[in-house]
Amino acid sequence: MSAGRLQSYVDAILAIAATLLILNVTATGGGPLSHRLVDAWPSYAAYAVSFLTIGVIWINHHAILRLVDQPDPLFVIQNLLLLLFVGFLPFPTHVFADALRTGDGARAAAVFYGISATLMAASFNALWIYASHGRRLLRTDAPERVVKGITHSFRPGIALYATATVVGLFSAWASAGIYAAIAGFYVISGSAFSRE
């Protein structure tokens, strides 16, 4: 499979996952519509954080495939594993937003979201490590500075999401803040690597 064909498939799945996020934004409950729209703000925030997360994955995935010479079967399978977790993200996003809005099971929802995000980060790290270790799948002209930069950017992801997950055991709101900060961090670092 060519890198271009693989990227087209990944683009399609990421677009579907990002689109599904909006289906979880609802203004339910009683009272005037204006109050319901305001009360739905956790859904808006969760949508924004998860949309940014998927967007950053899309940016970084493009950066990776620009460096990959020829994907091999294991690389393609690792992409499928990443897409498994990304495609699942709309569900924990909805659960977390709903729990924050109602106050019912918010800490459990924060942990559930965190486990999903940690697995997603781990699969993305594994994908990059496999491709870049010993420059196994990288183009011969792939700049070493960019390769090292991507490695350094990806490295803290698992620990950051795992930390936010543990924080969720004690405070769903603090955990939500950390998830938002992680998304912001990767928007900045992902943009930097997409320009290289």
Protein backbone atom coordinates (compact mmCIF):
# COMPACT_ATOMS: atom_id res chain seq x y z
CA MET A 1 0.00 0.00 0.00
CA SER A 2 1.32 3.44 -0.88
CA ALA A 3 1.64 6.18 1.72
CA GLY A 4 -0.84 8.28 -0.28
CA ARG A 5 -3.49 5.58 -0.28
CA LEU A 6 -3.01 4.96 3.43
CA GLN A 7 -3.30 8.69 4.15
CA SER A 8 -6.55 8.88 2.18
CA TYR A 9 -8.02 6.07 4.28
CA VAL A 10 -6.83 7.67 7.53
CA ASP A 11 -8.23 11.03 6.42
CA ALA A 12 -11.64 9.48 5.82
CA ILE A 13 -11.80 7.77 9.22
CA LEU A 14 -10.61 10.87 11.07
CA ALA A 15 -13.18 12.99 9.23
CA ILE A 16 -15.95 10.60 10.23
CA ALA A 17 -14.80 10.53 13.87
CA ALA A 18 -14.63 14.34 13.99
CA THR A 19 -18.09 14.60 12.43
CA LEU A 20 -19.61 12.12 14.89
CA LEU A 21 -18.52 14.35 17.78
CA ILE A 22 -21.18 16.93 16.92
CA LEU A 23 -23.96 14.35 17.27
CA ASN A 24 -23.23 14.31 21.00
CA VAL A 25 -23.85 18.04 21.43
CA THR A 26 -27.47 18.39 22.52
CA ALA A 27 -29.56 20.86 24.48
CA THR A 28 -31.71 18.48 26.51
CA GLY A 29 -33.71 18.92 29.68
CA GLY A 30 -36.52 21.25 30.65
CA GLY A 31 -36.92 24.97 30.67
CA PRO A 32 -36.47 27.65 28.04
CA LEU A 33 -34.27 26.86 25.07
CA SER A 34 -31.88 29.67 25.95
CA HIS A 35 -31.22 28.06 29.36
CA ARG A 36 -30.78 24.62 27.80
CA LEU A 37 -28.28 26.02 25.29
CA VAL A 38 -26.27 27.63 28.10
CA ASP A 39 -26.49 24.51 30.27
CA ALA A 40 -25.06 22.43 27.41
CA TRP A 41 -21.67 24.21 27.64
CA PRO A 42 -19.83 21.05 28.82
CA SER A 43 -20.87 19.43 25.54
CA TYR A 44 -19.44 22.36 23.59
CA ALA A 45 -16.18 22.21 25.54
CA ALA A 46 -15.86 18.43 25.19
CA TYR A 47 -16.59 18.72 21.46
CA ALA A 48 -13.89 21.38 21.05
CA VAL A 49 -11.23 19.42 22.99
CA SER A 50 -11.90 16.14 21.17
CA PHE A 51 -12.17 17.88 17.79
CA LEU A 52 -8.80 19.54 18.39
CA THR A 53 -7.35 16.20 19.48
CA ILE A 54 -8.51 14.51 16.28
CA GLY A 55 -7.31 17.49 14.25
CA VAL A 56 -3.85 17.28 15.80
CA ILE A 57 -3.72 13.56 15.09
CA TRP A 58 -4.56 14.36 11.48
CA ILE A 59 -1.82 17.02 11.27
CA ASN A 60 0.77 14.79 12.92
CA HIS A 61 -0.20 11.77 10.85
CA HIS A 62 0.40 13.79 7.69
CA ALA A 63 3.79 14.85 9.09
CA ILE A 64 4.67 11.20 9.71
CA LEU A 65 3.61 9.99 6.28
CA ARG A 66 5.60 12.76 4.59
CA LEU A 67 8.66 11.13 6.18
CA VAL A 68 7.70 7.50 5.49
CA ASP A 69 9.12 6.01 2.31
CA GLN A 70 6.99 2.88 1.97
CA PRO A 71 4.51 1.61 4.58
CA ASP A 72 4.89 -2.09 5.37
CA PRO A 73 2.08 -4.43 6.55
CA LEU A 74 2.83 -3.93 10.27
CA PHE A 75 2.75 -0.15 9.85
CA VAL A 76 -0.65 -0.44 8.14
CA ILE A 77 -1.95 -2.64 11.00
CA GLN A 78 -0.68 -0.12 13.56
CA ASN A 79 -2.57 2.58 11.67
CA LEU A 80 -5.72 0.49 12.01
CA LEU A 81 -5.16 0.21 15.76
CA LEU A 82 -4.78 3.99 16.00
CA LEU A 83 -7.99 4.45 14.01
CA LEU A 84 -9.78 2.00 16.31
CA PHE A 85 -9.13 4.30 19.26
CA VAL A 86 -9.77 7.54 17.36
CA GLY A 87 -13.06 6.20 15.99
CA PHE A 88 -14.10 5.30 19.54
CA LEU A 89 -13.36 8.80 20.91
CA PRO A 90 -16.85 10.27 20.26
CA PHE A 91 -18.35 7.84 22.79
CA PRO A 92 -16.17 8.72 25.84
CA THR A 93 -16.46 12.37 24.80
CA HIS A 94 -20.26 12.16 25.02
CA VAL A 95 -20.14 10.23 28.30
CA PHE A 96 -17.74 12.75 29.87
CA ALA A 97 -19.66 15.83 28.67
CA ASP A 98 -22.96 14.40 29.87
CA ALA A 99 -21.49 13.48 33.27
CA LEU A 100 -20.01 16.97 33.71
CA ARG A 101 -23.35 18.53 32.81
CA THR A 102 -25.43 16.36 35.15
CA GLY A 103 -22.83 15.70 37.86
CA ASP A 104 -23.66 12.00 37.70
CA GLY A 105 -20.55 9.79 37.57
CA ALA A 106 -18.26 12.62 36.49
CA ARG A 107 -15.09 11.08 37.95
CA ALA A 108 -15.78 7.70 36.35
CA ALA A 109 -16.41 9.47 33.04
CA ALA A 110 -13.14 11.41 33.38
CA VAL A 111 -11.26 8.14 33.93
CA PHE A 112 -13.08 6.48 31.02
CA TYR A 113 -12.15 9.35 28.70
CA GLY A 114 -8.57 9.24 29.99
CA ILE A 115 -8.17 5.53 29.41
CA SER A 116 -9.42 5.99 25.84
CA ALA A 117 -7.07 8.94 25.25
CA THR A 118 -4.11 7.13 26.81
CA LEU A 119 -4.65 4.11 24.56
CA MET A 120 -4.92 6.43 21.57
CA ALA A 121 -1.65 8.18 22.51
CA ALA A 122 0.06 4.83 23.09
CA SER A 123 -1.00 3.55 19.67
CA PHE A 124 0.21 6.75 17.98
CA ASN A 125 3.55 6.52 19.81
CA ALA A 126 3.90 2.88 18.80
CA LEU A 127 3.19 3.79 15.18
CA TRP A 128 5.90 6.46 15.18
CA ILE A 129 8.45 4.40 17.10
CA TYR A 130 8.01 1.52 14.69
CA ALA A 131 8.45 3.77 11.64
CA SER A 132 11.35 5.80 13.02
CA HIS A 133 13.39 3.27 15.04
CA GLY A 134 16.63 2.87 13.12
CA ARG A 135 14.86 4.96 10.45
CA ARG A 136 13.17 1.66 9.49
CA LEU A 137 10.49 3.14 7.20
CA LEU A 138 11.73 6.70 6.81
CA ARG A 139 12.89 8.29 3.59
CA THR A 140 16.65 8.60 3.31
CA ASP A 141 16.29 12.38 3.06
CA ALA A 142 14.02 12.72 6.12
CA PRO A 143 15.59 15.54 8.19
CA GLU A 144 16.99 14.19 11.46
CA ARG A 145 15.96 17.39 13.25
CA VAL A 146 12.31 16.81 12.31
CA VAL A 147 12.48 13.11 13.24
CA LYS A 148 13.88 13.95 16.68
CA GLY A 149 11.39 16.78 17.11
CA ILE A 150 8.42 14.51 16.44
CA THR A 151 9.82 11.91 18.83
CA HIS A 152 10.24 14.51 21.59
CA SER A 153 6.75 15.89 20.97
CA PHE A 154 5.06 12.48 21.06
CA ARG A 155 6.99 11.14 24.05
CA PRO A 156 5.06 12.93 26.85
CA GLY A 157 1.60 12.10 25.46
CA ILE A 158 1.08 8.80 27.24
CA ALA A 159 2.28 10.17 30.58
CA LEU A 160 0.18 13.33 30.25
CA TYR A 161 -3.01 11.43 29.48
CA ALA A 162 -2.28 8.85 32.18
CA THR A 163 -1.77 11.68 34.70
CA ALA A 164 -5.05 13.31 33.70
CA THR A 165 -6.73 9.91 34.07
CA VAL A 166 -5.42 9.49 37.62
CA VAL A 167 -6.45 13.07 38.46
CA GLY A 168 -9.94 12.12 37.25
CA LEU A 169 -10.20 9.69 40.17
CA PHE A 170 -10.27 12.74 42.45
CA SER A 171 -11.61 15.61 40.35
CA ALA A 172 -13.39 15.40 37.01
CA TRP A 173 -13.06 19.15 36.45
CA ALA A 174 -9.31 19.19 37.05
CA SER A 175 -8.98 16.22 34.73
CA ALA A 176 -11.01 18.03 32.07
CA GLY A 177 -8.70 21.03 32.38
CA ILE A 178 -5.67 18.83 31.85
CA TYR A 179 -7.24 17.21 28.77
CA ALA A 180 -7.86 20.69 27.34
CA ALA A 181 -4.27 21.74 28.11
CA ILE A 182 -2.93 18.60 26.40
CA ALA A 183 -4.98 19.40 23.30
CA GLY A 184 -3.57 22.94 23.32
CA PHE A 185 -0.01 21.66 23.71
CA TYR A 186 -0.39 19.34 20.74
CA VAL A 187 -2.05 22.01 18.59
CA ILE A 188 1.08 24.14 19.04
CA SER A 189 3.62 21.34 18.60
CA GLY A 190 1.65 19.69 15.76
CA SER A 191 1.50 22.96 13.88
CA ALA A 192 5.25 23.37 14.21
CA PHE A 193 5.97 19.96 12.72
CA SER A 194 3.46 20.35 9.91
CA ARG A 195 5.43 23.40 8.72
CA GLU A 196 8.74 21.52 8.58
